[in-house]
Every structure is written in structure tokens, then in C-alpha cells.
Amino acid sequence: MSLFNVRLPKEIEARLIAEAAARKCSKSDIAREAITAFLAHADRASRDDLEAGDIDDDWSEFGAEVMDAQRKVFERVISKLYDAEWADLVEPLYDVFRKKVIEKTKAYQTPAIFLQPNGEALVTSSIGFAADDLVDLKMPLEDLFYNYCVDAGDEAFNEIPKIWELAKARLATDDEVARS
């Protein structure tokens, strides 16, 4: 698969982004389907006879091709839903989705603790669903400790000071290495 950049006017790009969000797919999916549909329907001979300057850059045709390509993809997918087994249809899609979520999420420091202007510490974890779809989950640090104690029990909760001391020792070691 090749990658290439397409220069779009800002208005068209904004419409493409909005359409991708509305249809819950990527901009690349829309462009790929539209280009594929266009090339499948274009008359090869008439394309070869055109000079580069003769081509009318009419984006309305492209938009119509995009919409038609999306409709065809959705019709194919929906028609397969009725006959397919969960493991055959959904599990492969879930595997791809899961890998992409993990890939996107690894780009962020997750979880992280941030001090709010009011002094409250919030634990934030990011989950990435796509290049342009990131969700931050936030919880007060106190709630995190409380939930940890409820879920793991008092004995595990009482280990937190030991973990804190280990982290503090690592930081001190890192500081010594940095000064050397």
C-alpha cells in the first residue's frame, strides 16, 4: 500500500473530516473508496486522450463518488452481518480495532497524575481510538486510592508506602546518574 499526500482546500478538508466523523470511518477510507470507485467506472480510453490541463477539477463529482463508495461499503458490510458468525465477522474487526487502540494509546503517557489549579491531583489515562479520536479518563487521586483499597483490600493498600519509597529511591538514583 502506498501513501501519498493530497492537498485540499480547507473547506473541503473540513467537510471530509466532518463526513468521516459522521460515518465513523477515517478520511483515508473515504478517499480510498472514492478513488477505487472512480477508477472502476472511468472510461480508460477517454482518460488517455485528455491532456493534464484539460481535466476539469470538479469536486462535486468526487463528492458524489465518495458518497456512492460509502453506500456500497455499508451495504456489503450490513448484508454480511445477517449471515455471518460472530467469530468470523466481528472478532477479526475487533482484533484490528484493539491493535489500533493500543497503538494510539502508547503515544501518550498513560496513566499520568496532574495537579489541578485547585490543588486536587487527577489521575488521567488516555485511550486512543484513531488518529483524531482520543479520550482522556480522569479521576481524583483520592478516588483512585479509595477504589484500590476497596478492590485490592487493606493489605495491598498498606503496601503503597513501600512502593512510594521504591519510586523515591529510583528517582534519587536517576538524579545521581544525571549529575555524573
Protein backbone atom coordinates (compact mmCIF):
# COMPACT_ATOMS: atom_id res chain seq x y z
CA MET A 1 0.00 0.00 0.00
CA SER A 2 1.35 3.43 -0.90
CA LEU A 3 0.94 6.65 1.00
CA PHE A 4 0.51 9.99 -0.69
CA ASN A 5 -0.50 13.47 0.32
CA VAL A 6 -3.47 15.22 -1.19
CA ARG A 7 -3.71 18.98 -0.97
CA LEU A 8 -7.26 20.01 -0.25
CA PRO A 9 -8.73 23.45 0.26
CA LYS A 10 -9.53 24.00 3.95
CA GLU A 11 -13.27 23.96 3.30
CA ILE A 12 -13.10 20.58 1.56
CA GLU A 13 -10.86 19.14 4.26
CA ALA A 14 -13.28 20.34 6.94
CA ARG A 15 -16.16 18.67 5.09
CA LEU A 16 -14.13 15.48 4.73
CA ILE A 17 -13.30 15.45 8.45
CA ALA A 18 -16.95 16.06 9.35
CA GLU A 19 -18.13 13.33 6.98
CA ALA A 20 -15.59 10.84 8.34
CA ALA A 21 -16.68 11.62 11.90
CA ALA A 22 -20.37 11.31 10.99
CA ARG A 23 -19.80 7.98 9.30
CA LYS A 24 -17.34 6.79 11.95
CA CYS A 25 -14.60 5.99 9.47
CA SER A 26 -11.29 7.56 8.51
CA LYS A 27 -10.66 10.19 5.86
CA SER A 28 -8.44 7.62 4.15
CA ASP A 29 -11.32 5.14 3.97
CA ILE A 30 -13.47 7.71 2.18
CA ALA A 31 -10.70 8.71 -0.23
CA ARG A 32 -9.71 5.09 -0.94
CA GLU A 33 -13.27 4.01 -1.72
CA ALA A 34 -13.94 7.07 -3.86
CA ILE A 35 -10.74 6.66 -5.87
CA THR A 36 -11.39 2.95 -6.33
CA ALA A 37 -14.94 3.60 -7.48
CA PHE A 38 -13.83 6.41 -9.80
CA LEU A 39 -11.14 4.27 -11.43
CA ALA A 40 -13.52 1.34 -11.80
CA HIS A 41 -16.10 3.49 -13.64
CA ALA A 42 -13.85 5.80 -15.64
CA ASP A 43 -13.52 5.07 -19.31
CA ARG A 44 -9.86 4.18 -19.87
CA ALA A 45 -9.73 5.45 -23.48
CA SER A 46 -11.20 8.86 -22.69
CA ARG A 47 -8.74 9.30 -19.80
CA ASP A 48 -5.78 8.56 -22.07
CA ASP A 49 -6.88 11.18 -24.61
CA LEU A 50 -7.01 14.02 -22.09
CA GLU A 51 -4.16 16.43 -21.55
CA ALA A 52 -3.38 17.25 -17.92
CA GLY A 53 -4.65 20.81 -18.40
CA ASP A 54 -7.92 19.61 -19.93
CA ILE A 55 -9.09 17.88 -16.79
CA ASP A 56 -11.80 19.86 -15.01
CA ASP A 57 -11.17 19.75 -11.27
CA ASP A 58 -14.83 19.45 -10.29
CA TRP A 59 -15.01 18.35 -6.66
CA SER A 60 -18.76 17.74 -6.80
CA GLU A 61 -18.14 14.59 -8.86
CA PHE A 62 -15.57 13.44 -6.37
CA GLY A 63 -18.04 14.02 -3.52
CA ALA A 64 -20.70 12.02 -5.34
CA GLU A 65 -18.20 9.20 -5.86
CA VAL A 66 -17.29 9.30 -2.18
CA MET A 67 -20.93 9.04 -1.14
CA ASP A 68 -21.58 6.21 -3.60
CA ALA A 69 -18.49 4.30 -2.46
CA GLN A 70 -19.51 4.63 1.18
CA ARG A 71 -23.01 3.43 0.44
CA LYS A 72 -21.61 0.36 -1.35
CA VAL A 73 -19.26 -0.47 1.52
CA PHE A 74 -22.02 -0.16 4.10
CA GLU A 75 -24.39 -2.28 2.02
CA ARG A 76 -21.74 -5.02 1.72
CA VAL A 77 -20.98 -5.00 5.43
CA ILE A 78 -24.62 -4.92 6.51
CA SER A 79 -25.58 -7.74 4.14
CA LYS A 80 -22.85 -9.91 5.67
CA LEU A 81 -23.98 -9.22 9.24
CA TYR A 82 -27.13 -11.31 8.91
CA ASP A 83 -25.36 -14.45 7.69
CA ALA A 84 -22.03 -14.29 9.46
CA GLU A 85 -20.95 -15.89 12.68
CA TRP A 86 -19.65 -13.59 15.40
CA ALA A 87 -16.19 -15.20 15.37
CA ASP A 88 -15.94 -14.90 11.57
CA LEU A 89 -17.11 -11.30 11.21
CA VAL A 90 -16.69 -9.44 14.47
CA GLU A 91 -13.57 -10.97 16.03
CA PRO A 92 -11.21 -10.03 13.14
CA LEU A 93 -12.57 -6.47 13.21
CA TYR A 94 -12.21 -6.36 16.98
CA ASP A 95 -8.58 -7.53 16.71
CA VAL A 96 -7.76 -4.72 14.29
CA PHE A 97 -9.63 -2.18 16.41
CA ARG A 98 -7.87 -3.37 19.58
CA LYS A 99 -4.41 -3.13 17.97
CA LYS A 100 -5.15 0.40 16.76
CA VAL A 101 -6.40 1.49 20.19
CA ILE A 102 -3.23 0.16 21.83
CA GLU A 103 -1.03 1.75 19.16
CA LYS A 104 -2.71 5.14 19.59
CA THR A 105 -2.70 4.96 23.38
CA LYS A 106 1.03 4.20 23.54
CA ALA A 107 1.71 7.65 22.11
CA TYR A 108 0.61 9.20 25.40
CA GLN A 109 1.92 8.98 28.95
CA THR A 110 -0.82 6.87 30.39
CA PRO A 111 -1.69 6.96 33.24
CA ALA A 112 -0.34 10.28 34.47
CA ILE A 113 -1.03 12.45 37.52
CA PHE A 114 -1.69 16.16 37.04
CA LEU A 115 -2.14 18.78 39.73
CA GLN A 116 -5.20 20.95 39.12
CA PRO A 117 -5.26 24.71 39.88
CA ASN A 118 -7.44 23.98 42.92
CA GLY A 119 -4.72 21.65 44.31
CA GLU A 120 -6.57 18.42 43.53
CA ALA A 121 -4.46 15.68 41.94
CA LEU A 122 -6.14 13.99 38.97
CA VAL A 123 -5.06 10.70 37.52
CA THR A 124 -5.51 10.82 33.74
CA SER A 125 -5.30 7.95 31.32
CA SER A 126 -5.67 8.31 27.57
CA ILE A 127 -7.32 5.84 25.25
CA GLY A 128 -6.81 6.38 21.54
CA PHE A 129 -9.40 5.10 19.11
CA ALA A 130 -7.98 6.70 15.98
CA ALA A 131 -5.53 9.38 14.96
CA ASP A 132 -8.14 12.05 15.61
CA ASP A 133 -10.12 10.36 18.40
CA LEU A 134 -8.52 10.38 21.83
CA VAL A 135 -10.43 10.08 25.11
CA ASP A 136 -8.95 11.11 28.45
CA LEU A 137 -10.28 9.34 31.52
CA LYS A 138 -9.82 11.40 34.68
CA MET A 139 -10.23 10.50 38.34
CA PRO A 140 -9.17 12.27 41.53
CA LEU A 141 -6.11 10.58 43.06
CA GLU A 142 -8.02 10.17 46.32
CA ASP A 143 -10.75 8.22 44.48
CA LEU A 144 -8.10 6.05 42.83
CA PHE A 145 -6.61 5.18 46.23
CA TYR A 146 -10.07 4.59 47.69
CA ASN A 147 -11.09 2.29 44.82
CA TYR A 148 -7.77 0.47 45.03
CA CYS A 149 -8.31 -0.20 48.72
CA VAL A 150 -11.87 -1.41 48.14
CA ASP A 151 -10.83 -3.66 45.23
CA ALA A 152 -7.44 -4.93 46.45
CA GLY A 153 -8.02 -4.89 50.20
CA ASP A 154 -6.31 -3.28 53.18
CA GLU A 155 -3.16 -5.42 52.94
CA ALA A 156 -2.47 -4.37 49.34
CA PHE A 157 -3.39 -0.77 50.11
CA ASN A 158 -0.90 -0.74 53.00
CA GLU A 159 1.87 -1.63 50.51
CA ILE A 160 1.57 1.83 48.87
CA PRO A 161 4.15 3.46 51.21
CA LYS A 162 6.70 0.75 50.27
CA ILE A 163 6.01 1.34 46.57
CA TRP A 164 6.36 5.09 47.13
CA GLU A 165 9.76 4.53 48.83
CA LEU A 166 10.95 2.35 45.91
CA ALA A 167 9.91 5.04 43.41
CA LYS A 168 11.63 7.70 45.51
CA ALA A 169 14.84 5.62 45.56
CA ARG A 170 14.70 5.22 41.77
CA LEU A 171 14.32 8.98 41.38
CA ALA A 172 17.32 9.57 43.65
CA THR A 173 19.39 7.09 41.62
CA ASP A 174 18.32 8.77 38.37
CA ASP A 175 19.34 12.15 39.82
CA GLU A 176 22.79 10.79 40.79
CA VAL A 177 23.30 9.31 37.32
CA ALA A 178 22.23 12.58 35.69
CA ARG A 179 24.70 14.56 37.81
CA SER A 180 27.58 12.21 36.95
